[in-house]
Amino acid sequence: MGISTKITTSLATLSTAAVIVGVAALPASAATTTRWAEFTELAGAAGAQTGALTLDIGAFPTATIATDAGTRNAGVVQGASTWLSPSTPVGAKYGTSRNQDYLNLPATTSNSPSTTTYTFDTATPTAGWALVLGDIDADAVRVSATTATGAAVPVAQLNYRGGFNYCSNSGAGEPSCTGSATDVPSWDPATATLTGNDGAADTSGAAGWFEPTAAIKSLTFTFTSRSGLPIFQTWFTGRARDISGSVASTADGGSAYEGATVTLTDTNGDAVATTTSDASGSYAFPGYTAAPGYTVAVEVPAGWTANGPTSRGVDLSTQDAANVNFELAPPVVAPSGTIAGSVLDEEGAPVADVTIDLDGPLADVTTTTEADGTYDFAGLDVGDYTVTATAPDDFELVGPAAQTVSVDEPGAAVTVPAFRLATVVAEPTPTPTPEPTATPAPTAAPTSVPSQSDAPSPGNVGYRPGSGSLPSTGAETLPGLAIAASLLLGLGALFALSSASATARRRRVHARTER
């Protein structure tokens, strides 16, 4: 027959006995599942048959089968009547094999020992899977294995777990065959051979199981008939667990990183799966062989850096691996915002050497305007800034001395409205009006009283009545008084003219300020 339909058995659906025996040691959160291998029908003639095995668990390799066994009773059997129940040691851990494939093989056509080899595509995991050899009664099977380098796997690493009889129990969930609990094969580690009962009697249900701890590349069974025409049965099974985690970004105070490439590598160093994080930053690798030695790695995008390790080891031996998380940091972008502006006078001409202060996020710097009146601040972070101009001597600011602007995004170029300056016209110091100088009162000239000797005598020649020197009246001081009055009038007019000019200048400055 072809490959049978896959049947996945969750441990949660096992019988109560199976849960008690096989899952009691597992964490309650474990989402462990088990699977049984599928076989293709053997192809080819007796003595040269081939087939394939697939155990549909992540990281477990497919195997090709080559056997020189005969064709009598050989082939793939679906366990509708013969199976390993949860009451068996292997069933307690891996679940029932009911309706699952197993392979029957005899000795060679001449009943000589047959050799069957499973060659895996890659080496197997070192845990999380098992194989069962059944119907070992009137026969014996020697087991050998090699690694990827061709070295022989030590017998101890084949990890024989013991014998049991799958027909020894009856009741619900048990196969209909009948066997004895004491009829079990014996394992000889010296020869790595599993041998049936001492009498080589053809019985039912005798089996032994293994959980290899080596990375096996090839596995060989050498089957020998001890009496009669017996066959042997082979099952493969495995347990699967999940790996999950998230990829976060440190941008914007912490956020999910969507689209990160995450790779899962097995214990052999082979990449067995790749996925990407979703919109929530989450990723998962569900259903991988329950073994140690996995590595999960995140690919760091160009320009980004990892905030922590980029790979983490994972062990699925006992439970799922959750919270295998990574964090990425975005590229470090140097602050690149700019703030620029200019300072102009009332005529629109540039003003040089004006002090400009900038205050903002991580910035408190000062510069001065160039000859063309411009200034600029570069290398600024996103944020709000205050730009302040200080008017130089002989100038005053027309309008605000400080302006607030914002650098809204990296690299933004912000232009500040021009600061305006007006020339300060100094008011002249008024000249005090001089106090008029008091003009001294004229001193009366002494009146000469003619003496008798001076008095003309009637007989004097030239004497006329009323003639002679007049008395002093002060009229000779009038020209000086006129000069002083003219000086005072001139000074008063000059003061009035200066006051009118100063008032006019103040009115012009006030008018410019209002503009």
Protein backbone atom coordinates (compact mmCIF):
# COMPACT_ATOMS: atom_id res chain seq x y z
CA MET A 1 0.00 0.00 0.00
CA GLY A 2 1.02 3.64 -0.28
CA ILE A 3 1.81 6.02 2.52
CA SER A 4 -1.00 5.82 5.03
CA THR A 5 -2.92 8.77 6.33
CA LYS A 6 -1.11 10.49 9.18
CA ILE A 7 -2.63 10.21 12.59
CA THR A 8 -1.32 12.51 15.31
CA THR A 9 -2.02 11.50 18.87
CA SER A 10 -2.05 14.17 21.53
CA LEU A 11 -1.00 12.99 24.95
CA ALA A 12 -4.07 14.72 26.27
CA THR A 13 -6.21 12.08 24.51
CA LEU A 14 -4.45 9.08 25.95
CA SER A 15 -6.13 6.87 28.46
CA THR A 16 -5.91 7.69 32.14
CA ALA A 17 -3.26 5.02 32.65
CA ALA A 18 -1.14 6.47 29.88
CA VAL A 19 -1.39 9.96 31.31
CA ILE A 20 -0.39 8.76 34.74
CA VAL A 21 2.57 6.75 33.53
CA GLY A 22 3.82 8.75 30.57
CA VAL A 23 3.01 12.38 31.27
CA ALA A 24 3.18 12.76 34.99
CA ALA A 25 6.74 14.11 34.86
CA LEU A 26 5.93 16.69 32.19
CA PRO A 27 5.11 20.31 33.00
CA ALA A 28 1.41 21.06 32.85
CA SER A 29 2.07 23.62 30.12
CA ALA A 30 3.73 21.16 27.75
CA ALA A 31 1.85 20.72 24.46
CA THR A 32 3.60 17.46 23.61
CA THR A 33 2.32 15.39 20.72
CA THR A 34 3.38 11.96 19.47
CA ARG A 35 3.58 10.50 16.02
CA TRP A 36 4.25 7.07 14.54
CA ALA A 37 6.28 6.55 11.40
CA GLU A 38 4.80 5.83 8.02
CA PHE A 39 6.31 3.33 5.57
CA THR A 40 6.02 3.10 1.84
CA GLU A 41 5.31 -0.29 0.34
CA LEU A 42 8.47 -2.23 -0.43
CA ALA A 43 9.42 -2.29 -4.09
CA GLY A 44 11.66 -4.72 -5.95
CA ALA A 45 12.27 -8.46 -6.06
CA ALA A 46 12.97 -10.70 -3.10
CA GLY A 47 16.47 -10.09 -1.84
CA ALA A 48 16.59 -6.53 -3.20
CA GLN A 49 13.63 -4.62 -1.87
CA THR A 50 13.57 -0.91 -1.06
CA GLY A 51 11.22 1.47 0.67
CA ALA A 52 11.10 4.63 2.73
CA LEU A 53 10.27 5.73 6.24
CA THR A 54 8.89 9.09 7.31
CA LEU A 55 8.37 10.20 10.89
CA ASP A 56 6.46 13.42 10.52
CA ILE A 57 8.17 15.33 13.30
CA GLY A 58 10.25 18.41 12.77
CA ALA A 59 14.00 17.76 12.55
CA PHE A 60 13.55 14.00 12.20
CA PRO A 61 15.02 12.90 8.87
CA THR A 62 13.44 10.69 6.27
CA ALA A 63 15.12 7.30 5.75
CA THR A 64 15.48 4.98 2.81
CA ILE A 65 15.13 1.26 3.44
CA ALA A 66 17.13 -1.46 1.73
CA THR A 67 16.69 -5.15 2.59
CA ASP A 68 17.70 -8.52 1.23
CA ALA A 69 14.81 -10.22 3.05
CA GLY A 70 12.46 -12.52 1.24
CA THR A 71 8.94 -11.54 0.35
CA ARG A 72 7.09 -14.10 2.49
CA ASN A 73 4.83 -12.18 4.85
CA ALA A 74 6.93 -9.08 4.13
CA GLY A 75 5.34 -5.66 3.84
CA VAL A 76 3.76 -2.70 5.56
CA VAL A 77 0.95 -3.48 7.98
CA GLN A 78 -1.46 -0.94 9.45
CA GLY A 79 -2.07 -1.79 13.06
CA ALA A 80 -5.78 -2.48 13.02
CA SER A 81 -5.38 -5.79 14.88
CA THR A 82 -1.84 -5.63 16.22
CA TRP A 83 -0.61 -2.55 18.04
CA LEU A 84 1.25 -1.25 21.05
CA SER A 85 -1.28 -0.10 23.61
CA PRO A 86 -0.83 2.55 26.30
CA SER A 87 -0.29 -0.27 28.79
CA THR A 88 3.08 -1.05 27.21
CA PRO A 89 6.13 0.92 28.28
CA VAL A 90 6.53 2.52 24.88
CA GLY A 91 2.81 3.20 24.56
CA ALA A 92 2.73 4.85 27.96
CA LYS A 93 5.24 7.42 26.74
CA TYR A 94 4.46 7.74 23.04
CA GLY A 95 0.80 6.80 22.91
CA THR A 96 -0.98 3.95 21.17
CA SER A 97 0.13 2.70 17.79
CA ARG A 98 -3.34 1.53 16.92
CA ASN A 99 -4.01 1.96 13.19
CA GLN A 100 -0.40 3.08 12.70
CA ASP A 101 2.12 1.52 10.30
CA TYR A 102 4.71 -1.10 11.12
CA LEU A 103 6.96 -3.17 8.85
CA ASN A 104 7.07 -6.98 8.71
CA LEU A 105 10.28 -8.61 7.43
CA PRO A 106 11.43 -12.26 7.33
CA ALA A 107 14.80 -13.86 6.78
CA THR A 108 16.11 -14.30 3.28
CA THR A 109 14.44 -16.53 0.76
CA SER A 110 16.75 -19.33 1.82
CA ASN A 111 15.96 -18.56 5.46
CA SER A 112 19.45 -17.23 5.96
CA PRO A 113 19.96 -14.09 8.10
CA SER A 114 18.54 -11.04 6.35
CA THR A 115 20.00 -7.55 6.60
CA THR A 116 17.82 -4.44 6.59
CA THR A 117 19.41 -0.98 6.67
CA TYR A 118 17.73 2.39 7.26
CA THR A 119 19.82 5.25 5.89
CA PHE A 120 18.71 8.64 7.15
CA ASP A 121 18.99 11.78 5.06
CA THR A 122 20.74 13.45 7.99
CA ALA A 123 21.72 12.16 11.39
CA THR A 124 18.82 11.63 13.78
CA PRO A 125 18.20 13.71 16.90
CA THR A 126 19.84 12.38 20.03
CA ALA A 127 16.55 12.09 21.93
CA GLY A 128 12.82 12.26 21.49
CA TRP A 129 12.28 9.14 19.43
CA ALA A 130 12.13 5.38 19.84
CA LEU A 131 12.08 2.16 17.84
CA VAL A 132 10.41 -1.13 18.70
CA LEU A 133 11.30 -4.62 17.51
CA GLY A 134 8.33 -6.96 17.90
CA ASP A 135 7.46 -10.64 17.56
CA ILE A 136 10.93 -11.63 18.74
CA ASP A 137 10.39 -15.24 19.75
CA ALA A 138 11.87 -17.99 17.53
CA ASP A 139 14.41 -15.53 16.16
CA ALA A 140 17.03 -12.96 17.05
CA VAL A 141 17.93 -9.46 15.79
CA ARG A 142 21.34 -7.90 15.98
CA VAL A 143 21.28 -4.05 16.04
CA SER A 144 24.11 -1.81 14.82
CA ALA A 145 24.38 1.83 13.82
CA THR A 146 26.86 4.36 12.49
CA THR A 147 27.25 8.10 12.81
CA ALA A 148 27.52 10.63 9.97
CA THR A 149 31.28 10.02 9.91
CA GLY A 150 30.82 6.27 9.56
CA ALA A 151 31.93 5.55 13.11
CA ALA A 152 30.13 2.78 14.96
CA VAL A 153 27.63 3.95 17.53
CA PRO A 154 28.46 2.50 20.96
CA VAL A 155 25.96 -0.13 22.08
CA ALA A 156 25.17 1.89 25.20
CA GLN A 157 23.97 4.76 23.00
CA LEU A 158 21.47 2.48 21.31
CA ASN A 159 19.86 2.77 24.75
CA TYR A 160 17.90 -0.47 25.08
CA ARG A 161 14.96 0.29 27.40
CA GLY A 162 13.68 -3.23 28.07
CA GLY A 163 11.40 -6.03 26.90
CA PHE A 164 7.63 -6.42 27.20
CA ASN A 165 4.79 -8.45 25.70
CA TYR A 166 2.13 -6.38 23.96
CA CYS A 167 -0.33 -9.30 23.95
CA SER A 168 -0.20 -9.93 27.68
CA ASN A 169 -2.99 -7.53 28.63
CA SER A 170 -6.65 -7.69 27.79
CA GLY A 171 -9.48 -5.23 27.88
CA ALA A 172 -10.39 -1.98 26.18
CA GLY A 173 -7.64 -0.49 24.08
CA GLU A 174 -5.68 -3.77 23.93
CA PRO A 175 -5.03 -5.88 20.82
CA SER A 176 -6.90 -9.19 20.56
CA CYS A 177 -3.79 -11.37 20.59
CA THR A 178 -2.84 -13.46 23.60
CA GLY A 179 0.60 -13.57 25.13
CA SER A 180 2.43 -14.06 28.40
CA ALA A 181 3.96 -11.23 30.42
CA THR A 182 6.95 -13.47 31.05
CA ASP A 183 7.54 -14.06 27.35
CA VAL A 184 9.92 -11.24 26.60
CA PRO A 185 13.17 -11.16 24.60
CA SER A 186 16.54 -10.73 26.23
CA TRP A 187 19.15 -8.12 25.29
CA ASP A 188 22.85 -8.96 25.11
CA PRO A 189 24.86 -5.74 25.06
CA ALA A 190 28.04 -7.64 24.30
CA THR A 191 26.69 -8.68 20.91
CA ALA A 192 23.97 -6.00 20.65
CA THR A 193 21.48 -8.81 19.97
CA LEU A 194 17.84 -9.12 21.01
CA THR A 195 16.92 -12.83 21.29
CA GLY A 196 13.53 -14.50 21.78
CA ASN A 197 12.53 -17.12 24.30
CA ASP A 198 14.92 -19.88 25.21
CA GLY A 199 12.91 -22.59 23.47
CA ALA A 200 12.72 -20.63 20.20
CA ALA A 201 9.00 -21.25 20.30
CA ASP A 202 6.74 -19.26 18.00
CA THR A 203 4.71 -17.14 20.40
CA SER A 204 2.95 -13.77 20.27
CA GLY A 205 3.74 -10.26 21.53
CA ALA A 206 7.38 -10.49 22.64
CA ALA A 207 9.06 -7.11 21.97
CA GLY A 208 11.89 -4.85 23.02
CA TRP A 209 12.34 -1.08 22.62
CA PHE A 210 15.16 1.45 22.26
CA GLU A 211 15.56 5.21 22.68
CA PRO A 212 18.87 6.02 20.96
CA THR A 213 20.97 8.84 22.39
CA ALA A 214 23.36 9.03 19.44
CA ALA A 215 23.02 10.94 16.18
CA ILE A 216 22.48 7.96 13.89
CA LYS A 217 23.06 8.15 10.16
CA SER A 218 22.45 4.46 9.41
CA LEU A 219 20.69 1.77 11.39
CA THR A 220 20.97 -1.93 10.55
CA PHE A 221 18.98 -4.95 11.71
CA THR A 222 20.39 -8.42 11.08
CA PHE A 223 17.56 -10.90 11.48
CA THR A 224 18.19 -14.60 12.14
CA SER A 225 15.56 -17.34 12.22
CA ARG A 226 16.18 -19.77 15.08
CA SER A 227 13.33 -22.13 14.19
CA GLY A 228 10.51 -22.16 11.75
CA LEU A 229 9.79 -19.26 9.44
CA PRO A 230 9.40 -16.32 11.75
CA ILE A 231 9.20 -12.60 10.92
CA PHE A 232 10.02 -9.51 12.98
CA GLN A 233 8.11 -6.24 13.28
CA THR A 234 9.53 -2.70 13.35
CA TRP A 235 7.87 0.49 14.64
CA PHE A 236 9.33 4.00 14.85
CA THR A 237 7.77 6.75 16.97
CA GLY A 238 8.65 10.19 18.26
CA ARG A 239 7.50 13.04 20.45
CA ALA A 240 7.11 16.59 19.24
CA ARG A 241 7.17 19.88 21.07
CA ASP A 242 6.93 23.52 20.08
CA ILE A 243 9.34 26.45 19.99
CA SER A 244 7.97 29.97 20.13
CA GLY A 245 9.08 33.49 20.88
CA SER A 246 9.04 37.05 19.66
CA VAL A 247 11.20 39.68 18.05
CA ALA A 248 10.92 43.19 19.45
CA SER A 249 12.32 46.55 18.46
CA THR A 250 13.62 49.17 20.88
CA ALA A 251 12.26 51.91 18.58
CA ASP A 252 9.49 54.13 19.93
CA GLY A 253 10.04 52.89 23.45
CA GLY A 254 9.58 49.24 22.48
CA SER A 255 7.48 47.73 19.72
CA ALA A 256 6.98 44.53 17.75
CA TYR A 257 9.33 43.83 14.85
CA GLU A 258 7.50 42.36 11.91
CA GLY A 259 9.31 40.40 9.21
CA ALA A 260 12.41 39.33 11.11
CA THR A 261 13.97 36.14 9.71
CA VAL A 262 14.31 33.43 12.37
CA THR A 263 16.15 30.15 11.72
CA LEU A 264 16.05 26.87 13.63
CA THR A 265 19.17 24.69 13.58
CA ASP A 266 19.30 21.12 14.90
CA THR A 267 21.96 19.43 16.97
CA ASN A 268 23.88 18.51 13.81
CA GLY A 269 24.20 22.15 12.84
CA ASP A 270 21.72 21.76 9.99
CA ALA A 271 19.14 24.48 9.41
CA VAL A 272 15.84 22.62 9.62
CA ALA A 273 13.39 25.52 9.39
CA THR A 274 13.09 29.23 8.73
CA THR A 275 10.21 31.56 9.48
CA THR A 276 9.50 35.28 9.92
CA SER A 277 7.95 37.22 12.77
CA ASP A 278 4.37 38.38 12.28
CA ALA A 279 2.78 41.77 12.91
CA SER A 280 2.87 41.16 16.66
CA GLY A 281 6.55 40.18 16.45
CA SER A 282 5.74 36.54 17.23
CA TYR A 283 7.15 33.44 15.53
CA ALA A 284 6.85 29.69 16.12
CA PHE A 285 8.37 26.35 15.13
CA PRO A 286 5.66 23.83 16.04
CA GLY A 287 6.12 20.08 16.26
CA TYR A 288 9.87 19.45 16.54
CA THR A 289 11.47 16.32 17.91
CA ALA A 290 11.63 16.48 21.69
CA ALA A 291 15.40 16.58 21.87
CA PRO A 292 18.12 18.93 23.09
CA GLY A 293 20.63 20.77 20.98
CA TYR A 294 18.49 23.15 18.93
CA THR A 295 19.55 26.72 18.20
CA VAL A 296 17.21 29.55 17.28
CA ALA A 297 18.84 32.56 15.60
CA VAL A 298 17.48 35.88 14.39
CA GLU A 299 18.90 37.66 11.37
CA VAL A 300 19.83 41.25 12.18
CA PRO A 301 18.69 43.59 9.39
CA ALA A 302 21.22 45.88 7.73
CA GLY A 303 21.94 48.92 9.85
CA TRP A 304 20.26 47.46 12.92
CA THR A 305 21.99 45.97 15.94
CA ALA A 306 20.98 43.23 18.34
CA ASN A 307 20.13 44.32 21.85
CA GLY A 308 21.27 41.02 23.33
CA PRO A 309 22.21 37.66 21.80
CA THR A 310 21.24 36.85 18.22
CA SER A 311 20.97 33.11 18.91
CA ARG A 312 19.67 31.03 21.77
CA GLY A 313 19.99 27.35 22.60
CA VAL A 314 16.78 25.34 22.97
CA ASP A 315 16.16 22.04 24.75
CA LEU A 316 12.87 20.28 24.01
CA SER A 317 13.69 17.20 26.06
CA THR A 318 11.16 17.88 28.80
CA GLN A 319 8.90 20.70 27.67
CA ASP A 320 8.04 23.25 25.01
CA ALA A 321 10.45 26.13 24.56
CA ALA A 322 8.49 29.35 24.93
CA ASN A 323 9.71 32.94 25.19
CA VAL A 324 12.74 32.41 23.00
CA ASN A 325 12.85 36.15 22.46
CA PHE A 326 15.08 38.59 20.66
CA GLU A 327 15.36 42.37 20.62
CA LEU A 328 16.68 44.56 17.83
CA ALA A 329 17.76 48.19 17.96
CA PRO A 330 17.21 50.50 14.98
CA PRO A 331 20.08 52.28 13.24
CA VAL A 332 21.61 55.07 15.30
CA VAL A 333 20.91 58.22 13.33
CA ALA A 334 23.06 61.25 14.16
CA PRO A 335 20.93 64.30 14.98
CA SER A 336 20.54 66.17 11.71
CA GLY A 337 17.94 68.87 12.23
CA THR A 338 18.81 72.51 11.54
CA ILE A 339 17.47 75.86 12.75
CA ALA A 340 18.42 79.01 10.84
CA GLY A 341 17.39 82.63 10.61
CA SER A 342 18.60 86.22 10.23
CA VAL A 343 18.72 89.61 11.93
CA LEU A 344 17.80 92.77 9.97
CA ASP A 345 17.59 96.46 10.79
CA GLU A 346 14.61 98.71 10.17
CA GLU A 347 15.65 99.16 6.55
CA GLY A 348 15.95 95.39 5.95
CA ALA A 349 19.74 95.48 5.96
CA PRO A 350 21.60 92.59 7.68
CA VAL A 351 23.08 93.15 11.11
CA ALA A 352 26.28 91.26 11.96
CA ASP A 353 27.63 90.09 15.32
CA VAL A 354 24.23 89.80 17.00
CA THR A 355 24.25 87.17 19.78
CA ILE A 356 21.75 84.33 19.22
CA ASP A 357 21.04 81.72 21.94
CA LEU A 358 19.43 78.31 21.33
CA ASP A 359 17.85 76.31 24.13
CA GLY A 360 16.23 72.89 23.62
CA PRO A 361 16.64 69.09 23.95
CA LEU A 362 20.25 68.44 24.91
CA ALA A 363 21.14 71.83 23.38
CA ASP A 364 22.14 75.13 24.99
CA VAL A 365 24.40 76.88 22.54
CA THR A 366 25.21 80.41 21.40
CA THR A 367 26.33 81.86 18.11
CA THR A 368 26.52 85.26 16.40
CA THR A 369 25.21 86.44 13.07
CA GLU A 370 27.49 86.50 10.06
CA ALA A 371 28.25 89.54 7.92
CA ASP A 372 25.08 88.83 5.94
CA GLY A 373 23.02 88.80 9.13
CA THR A 374 22.37 85.05 9.11
CA TYR A 375 22.91 82.37 11.73
CA ASP A 376 22.28 78.63 11.94
CA PHE A 377 22.40 75.69 14.37
CA ALA A 378 22.98 72.18 12.97
CA GLY A 379 22.95 68.60 14.28
CA LEU A 380 19.76 68.98 16.29
CA ASP A 381 17.50 66.29 17.71
CA VAL A 382 13.76 66.28 17.24
CA GLY A 383 12.08 68.61 19.73
CA ASP A 384 11.07 72.16 20.64
CA TYR A 385 13.65 74.94 20.76
CA THR A 386 13.71 78.56 21.91
CA VAL A 387 15.77 81.02 19.85
CA THR A 388 16.69 84.30 21.59
CA ALA A 389 18.35 87.38 20.09
CA THR A 390 20.22 89.94 22.18
CA ALA A 391 20.22 93.46 20.75
CA PRO A 392 23.70 95.00 20.53
CA ASP A 393 24.53 98.46 21.76
CA ASP A 394 22.84 101.33 19.88
CA PHE A 395 20.03 98.92 18.79
CA GLU A 396 16.78 97.82 20.22
CA LEU A 397 14.59 94.83 19.20
CA VAL A 398 11.43 95.60 17.30
CA GLY A 399 9.18 92.65 18.15
CA PRO A 400 9.83 89.56 20.33
CA ALA A 401 13.33 88.81 21.56
CA ALA A 402 12.62 85.05 21.73
CA GLN A 403 10.85 82.69 19.33
CA THR A 404 9.90 79.00 19.80
CA VAL A 405 10.19 76.57 16.89
CA SER A 406 10.00 72.77 16.50
CA VAL A 407 12.18 70.19 14.73
CA ASP A 408 9.39 67.72 13.97
CA GLU A 409 11.40 64.90 12.40
CA PRO A 410 15.03 63.88 11.91
CA GLY A 411 16.77 66.06 9.36
CA ALA A 412 14.07 68.74 9.37
CA ALA A 413 15.28 72.25 8.38
CA VAL A 414 13.48 75.00 10.31
CA THR A 415 13.62 78.71 9.43
CA VAL A 416 13.02 81.25 12.18
CA PRO A 417 11.30 84.53 11.20
CA ALA A 418 13.85 87.36 11.07
CA PHE A 419 14.57 89.33 14.18
CA ARG A 420 14.26 93.11 13.61
CA LEU A 421 16.45 95.81 15.15
CA ALA A 422 16.03 99.58 15.25
CA THR A 423 18.76 102.14 15.81
CA VAL A 424 18.49 103.88 19.13
CA VAL A 425 18.83 107.72 18.74
CA ALA A 426 20.29 109.19 21.89
CA GLU A 427 18.36 112.18 23.26
CA PRO A 428 20.60 115.28 23.66
CA THR A 429 21.12 116.64 27.12
CA PRO A 430 19.15 119.92 27.25
CA THR A 431 21.26 123.09 27.74
CA PRO A 432 20.11 124.91 30.87
CA THR A 433 18.82 128.44 30.34
CA PRO A 434 21.37 130.85 31.83
CA GLU A 435 20.17 133.08 34.56
CA PRO A 436 20.29 136.72 33.39
CA THR A 437 23.13 138.64 34.89
CA ALA A 438 21.94 141.48 37.05
CA THR A 439 22.94 144.83 35.59
CA PRO A 440 24.31 147.04 38.34
CA ALA A 441 22.39 150.26 38.85
CA PRO A 442 24.22 153.20 37.33
CA THR A 443 26.07 155.24 39.84
CA ALA A 444 25.01 158.89 39.80
CA ALA A 445 27.80 161.16 38.85
CA PRO A 446 28.50 163.75 41.52
CA THR A 447 27.04 167.08 40.67
CA SER A 448 29.64 169.75 40.54
CA VAL A 449 28.74 172.80 42.51
CA PRO A 450 30.43 175.65 40.95
CA SER A 451 32.61 177.43 43.33
CA GLN A 452 32.65 181.03 43.63
CA SER A 453 35.78 180.99 41.68
CA ASP A 454 34.15 179.09 38.92
CA ALA A 455 31.05 181.14 38.79
CA PRO A 456 31.25 183.54 35.91
CA SER A 457 31.33 186.96 36.83
CA PRO A 458 29.29 189.32 35.04
CA GLY A 459 32.35 190.84 33.69
CA ASN A 460 33.77 187.62 32.28
CA VAL A 461 33.96 187.44 28.58
CA GLY A 462 31.76 184.66 27.13
CA TYR A 463 29.64 184.23 29.97
CA ARG A 464 26.06 183.58 29.14
CA PRO A 465 23.33 182.96 31.48
CA GLY A 466 22.48 179.23 31.52
CA SER A 467 25.73 178.19 29.99
CA GLY A 468 28.21 175.89 31.70
CA SER A 469 28.45 172.01 32.44
CA LEU A 470 25.20 170.05 32.78
CA PRO A 471 24.75 167.69 35.77
CA SER A 472 25.22 163.81 35.20
CA THR A 473 21.90 161.94 34.49
CA GLY A 474 23.09 158.26 33.80
CA ALA A 475 22.03 158.37 30.17
CA GLU A 476 25.49 157.30 29.15
CA THR A 477 24.73 153.54 30.33
CA LEU A 478 21.76 152.80 27.92
CA PRO A 479 23.81 151.15 25.15
CA GLY A 480 25.02 148.38 27.62
CA LEU A 481 21.50 147.54 28.70
CA ALA A 482 20.36 147.06 25.10
CA ILE A 483 23.17 144.53 24.42
CA ALA A 484 22.28 142.42 27.46
CA ALA A 485 18.63 142.26 26.49
CA SER A 486 19.46 141.11 22.97
CA LEU A 487 21.66 138.28 24.34
CA LEU A 488 18.89 136.99 26.58
CA LEU A 489 16.39 136.92 23.72
CA GLY A 490 18.81 134.90 21.53
CA LEU A 491 19.44 132.26 24.17
CA GLY A 492 15.72 131.78 24.73
CA ALA A 493 15.07 131.18 21.05
CA LEU A 494 17.93 128.64 20.82
CA PHE A 495 16.54 126.61 23.76
CA ALA A 496 13.09 126.55 22.22
CA LEU A 497 14.49 125.29 18.92
CA SER A 498 16.45 122.42 20.65
CA SER A 499 13.39 121.26 22.58
CA ALA A 500 11.29 121.11 19.43
CA SER A 501 13.96 119.02 17.63
CA ALA A 502 14.20 116.48 20.48
CA THR A 503 10.44 116.07 20.58
CA ALA A 504 10.37 115.34 16.86
CA ARG A 505 13.05 112.65 17.17
CA ARG A 506 11.17 110.92 19.97
CA ARG A 507 8.05 110.84 17.85
CA ARG A 508 9.96 109.15 14.97
CA VAL A 509 11.37 106.38 17.23
CA HIS A 510 7.93 105.78 18.72
CA ALA A 511 6.45 105.48 15.24
CA ARG A 512 9.05 102.86 14.19
CA THR A 513 8.41 100.81 17.34
CA GLU A 514 4.70 100.72 16.59
CA ARG A 515 5.46 99.46 13.09
